[in-house]
N, C-alpha and C. Protein backbone atom coordinates (compact mmCIF):
# COMPACT_ATOMS: atom_id res chain seq x y z
N UNK A 1 13.97 -15.72 3.35
CA UNK A 1 14.61 -14.78 4.25
C UNK A 1 14.15 -13.34 3.95
N UNK A 2 14.17 -12.98 2.65
CA UNK A 2 13.74 -11.64 2.26
C UNK A 2 12.28 -11.40 2.63
N UNK A 3 11.45 -12.41 2.45
CA UNK A 3 10.03 -12.28 2.80
C UNK A 3 9.86 -12.00 4.29
N UNK A 4 10.62 -12.66 5.11
CA UNK A 4 10.55 -12.47 6.56
C UNK A 4 10.96 -11.05 6.94
N UNK A 5 12.02 -10.57 6.31
CA UNK A 5 12.49 -9.21 6.58
C UNK A 5 11.44 -8.19 6.17
N UNK A 6 10.86 -8.37 4.98
CA UNK A 6 9.84 -7.44 4.50
C UNK A 6 8.60 -7.45 5.37
N UNK A 7 8.21 -8.63 5.83
CA UNK A 7 7.03 -8.72 6.70
C UNK A 7 7.25 -7.97 8.01
N UNK A 8 8.47 -7.90 8.47
CA UNK A 8 8.77 -7.15 9.69
C UNK A 8 8.97 -5.67 9.39
N UNK A 9 9.54 -5.36 8.26
CA UNK A 9 9.91 -3.99 7.93
C UNK A 9 8.73 -3.13 7.51
N UNK A 10 7.84 -3.66 6.72
CA UNK A 10 6.71 -2.87 6.20
C UNK A 10 5.83 -2.31 7.33
N UNK A 11 5.38 -3.13 8.29
CA UNK A 11 4.58 -2.54 9.37
C UNK A 11 5.33 -1.45 10.15
N UNK A 12 6.62 -1.64 10.33
CA UNK A 12 7.42 -0.63 11.02
C UNK A 12 7.45 0.67 10.22
N UNK A 13 7.68 0.58 8.93
CA UNK A 13 7.72 1.77 8.07
C UNK A 13 6.37 2.48 8.08
N UNK A 14 5.30 1.71 8.05
CA UNK A 14 3.96 2.31 8.06
C UNK A 14 3.70 3.10 9.33
N UNK A 15 4.29 2.69 10.45
CA UNK A 15 4.11 3.44 11.69
C UNK A 15 4.81 4.79 11.64
N UNK A 16 5.80 4.93 10.78
CA UNK A 16 6.55 6.18 10.67
C UNK A 16 5.87 7.20 9.78
N UNK A 17 4.95 6.75 8.93
CA UNK A 17 4.29 7.65 8.00
C UNK A 17 3.16 8.41 8.67
N UNK A 18 3.06 9.68 8.35
CA UNK A 18 1.97 10.49 8.88
C UNK A 18 0.72 10.28 8.03
N UNK A 19 -0.44 10.60 8.56
CA UNK A 19 -1.66 10.52 7.75
C UNK A 19 -1.56 11.35 6.47
N UNK A 20 -0.92 12.49 6.54
CA UNK A 20 -0.78 13.34 5.35
C UNK A 20 0.11 12.67 4.30
N UNK A 21 1.16 12.01 4.73
CA UNK A 21 2.03 11.29 3.79
C UNK A 21 1.28 10.13 3.14
N UNK A 22 0.47 9.44 3.94
CA UNK A 22 -0.32 8.33 3.40
C UNK A 22 -1.35 8.84 2.39
N UNK A 23 -1.95 10.01 2.66
CA UNK A 23 -2.90 10.60 1.72
C UNK A 23 -2.21 10.96 0.41
N UNK A 24 -1.00 11.49 0.50
CA UNK A 24 -0.26 11.84 -0.73
C UNK A 24 0.07 10.58 -1.52
N UNK A 25 0.43 9.51 -0.83
CA UNK A 25 0.70 8.25 -1.52
C UNK A 25 -0.57 7.72 -2.17
N UNK A 26 -1.69 7.78 -1.44
CA UNK A 26 -2.97 7.31 -1.99
C UNK A 26 -3.36 8.15 -3.21
N UNK A 27 -3.13 9.47 -3.15
CA UNK A 27 -3.43 10.34 -4.28
C UNK A 27 -2.59 9.92 -5.48
N UNK A 28 -1.32 9.64 -5.26
CA UNK A 28 -0.43 9.23 -6.34
C UNK A 28 -0.91 7.91 -6.96
N UNK A 29 -1.30 6.96 -6.11
CA UNK A 29 -1.77 5.67 -6.62
C UNK A 29 -3.08 5.82 -7.39
N UNK A 30 -4.00 6.63 -6.87
CA UNK A 30 -5.26 6.86 -7.57
C UNK A 30 -5.02 7.60 -8.88
N UNK A 31 -4.11 8.57 -8.88
CA UNK A 31 -3.77 9.28 -10.12
C UNK A 31 -3.26 8.31 -11.18
N UNK A 32 -2.42 7.37 -10.78
CA UNK A 32 -1.86 6.40 -11.70
C UNK A 32 -2.98 5.59 -12.37
N UNK A 33 -3.94 5.12 -11.57
CA UNK A 33 -5.04 4.32 -12.10
C UNK A 33 -5.94 5.19 -12.97
N UNK A 34 -6.25 6.41 -12.50
CA UNK A 34 -7.10 7.31 -13.28
C UNK A 34 -6.48 7.61 -14.65
N UNK A 35 -5.18 7.89 -14.67
CA UNK A 35 -4.51 8.17 -15.94
C UNK A 35 -4.57 6.97 -16.87
N UNK A 36 -4.36 5.78 -16.33
CA UNK A 36 -4.40 4.57 -17.16
C UNK A 36 -5.80 4.37 -17.74
N UNK A 37 -6.81 4.59 -16.92
CA UNK A 37 -8.19 4.40 -17.38
C UNK A 37 -8.54 5.44 -18.44
N UNK A 38 -8.17 6.69 -18.19
CA UNK A 38 -8.51 7.75 -19.12
C UNK A 38 -7.77 7.62 -20.45
N UNK A 39 -6.59 7.04 -20.43
CA UNK A 39 -5.83 6.92 -21.67
C UNK A 39 -6.21 5.67 -22.47
N UNK A 40 -7.00 4.80 -21.87
CA UNK A 40 -7.42 3.61 -22.61
C UNK A 40 -8.55 3.99 -23.56
N UNK A 41 -8.76 3.17 -24.56
CA UNK A 41 -9.82 3.42 -25.53
C UNK A 41 -11.15 2.82 -25.09
N UNK A 42 -11.15 2.12 -23.99
CA UNK A 42 -12.34 1.46 -23.49
C UNK A 42 -13.19 2.45 -22.70
N UNK A 43 -14.36 2.78 -23.22
CA UNK A 43 -15.24 3.73 -22.54
C UNK A 43 -15.93 3.11 -21.33
N UNK A 44 -16.03 1.80 -21.31
CA UNK A 44 -16.68 1.13 -20.19
C UNK A 44 -15.91 1.33 -18.89
N UNK A 45 -14.59 1.25 -18.96
CA UNK A 45 -13.84 1.45 -17.72
C UNK A 45 -13.95 2.89 -17.23
N UNK A 46 -14.10 3.85 -18.14
CA UNK A 46 -14.34 5.23 -17.72
C UNK A 46 -15.65 5.33 -16.93
N UNK A 47 -16.65 4.64 -17.40
CA UNK A 47 -17.97 4.69 -16.77
C UNK A 47 -18.02 3.93 -15.45
N UNK A 48 -17.17 2.94 -15.29
CA UNK A 48 -17.21 2.11 -14.08
C UNK A 48 -16.12 2.50 -13.08
N UNK A 49 -14.89 2.56 -13.55
CA UNK A 49 -13.75 2.74 -12.64
C UNK A 49 -13.65 4.16 -12.11
N UNK A 50 -13.80 5.15 -12.97
CA UNK A 50 -13.62 6.53 -12.52
C UNK A 50 -14.59 6.93 -11.41
N UNK A 51 -15.88 6.58 -11.49
CA UNK A 51 -16.76 6.91 -10.36
C UNK A 51 -16.37 6.18 -9.06
N UNK A 52 -15.87 4.98 -9.18
CA UNK A 52 -15.42 4.25 -7.98
C UNK A 52 -14.23 4.97 -7.36
N UNK A 53 -13.29 5.37 -8.19
CA UNK A 53 -12.12 6.08 -7.67
C UNK A 53 -12.52 7.41 -7.03
N UNK A 54 -13.48 8.10 -7.65
CA UNK A 54 -13.95 9.36 -7.07
C UNK A 54 -14.62 9.13 -5.72
N UNK A 55 -15.36 8.06 -5.62
CA UNK A 55 -16.01 7.72 -4.35
C UNK A 55 -14.97 7.43 -3.27
N UNK A 56 -13.90 6.74 -3.64
CA UNK A 56 -12.81 6.49 -2.69
C UNK A 56 -12.18 7.81 -2.24
N UNK A 57 -11.95 8.71 -3.19
CA UNK A 57 -11.39 10.02 -2.84
C UNK A 57 -12.32 10.76 -1.87
N UNK A 58 -13.61 10.76 -2.17
CA UNK A 58 -14.57 11.46 -1.33
C UNK A 58 -14.67 10.81 0.06
N UNK A 59 -14.76 9.51 0.10
CA UNK A 59 -14.94 8.80 1.36
C UNK A 59 -13.76 8.98 2.29
N UNK A 60 -12.56 8.90 1.74
CA UNK A 60 -11.35 8.97 2.57
C UNK A 60 -10.68 10.35 2.54
N UNK A 61 -11.40 11.33 1.97
CA UNK A 61 -10.92 12.71 1.94
C UNK A 61 -9.51 12.79 1.33
N UNK A 62 -9.37 12.24 0.13
CA UNK A 62 -8.10 12.26 -0.59
C UNK A 62 -8.26 13.22 -1.76
N UNK A 63 -7.85 14.46 -1.60
CA UNK A 63 -8.02 15.42 -2.69
C UNK A 63 -7.18 15.06 -3.89
N UNK A 64 -7.67 15.42 -5.06
CA UNK A 64 -6.94 15.19 -6.30
C UNK A 64 -6.04 16.41 -6.50
N UNK A 65 -4.80 16.30 -6.04
CA UNK A 65 -3.89 17.45 -6.02
C UNK A 65 -3.48 17.95 -7.40
N UNK A 66 -3.69 17.14 -8.42
CA UNK A 66 -3.32 17.60 -9.76
C UNK A 66 -4.51 18.10 -10.56
N UNK A 67 -5.67 18.18 -9.91
CA UNK A 67 -6.87 18.65 -10.61
C UNK A 67 -6.99 20.15 -10.53
């Protein structure tokens, strides 16, 4: 029952969000991943993941508001 409600509710909520609100959410999600990658001791993920995230920011014009 909950799954059915969520499947109906999520698309409706997404229609209410503005492109600017979605960009802020995307920035927040990307910040979360970037922080996790940067705080890890694994240098490989810095070399692989961070450039991918930057490319996503550039491609979809999602500025890094905390930079």
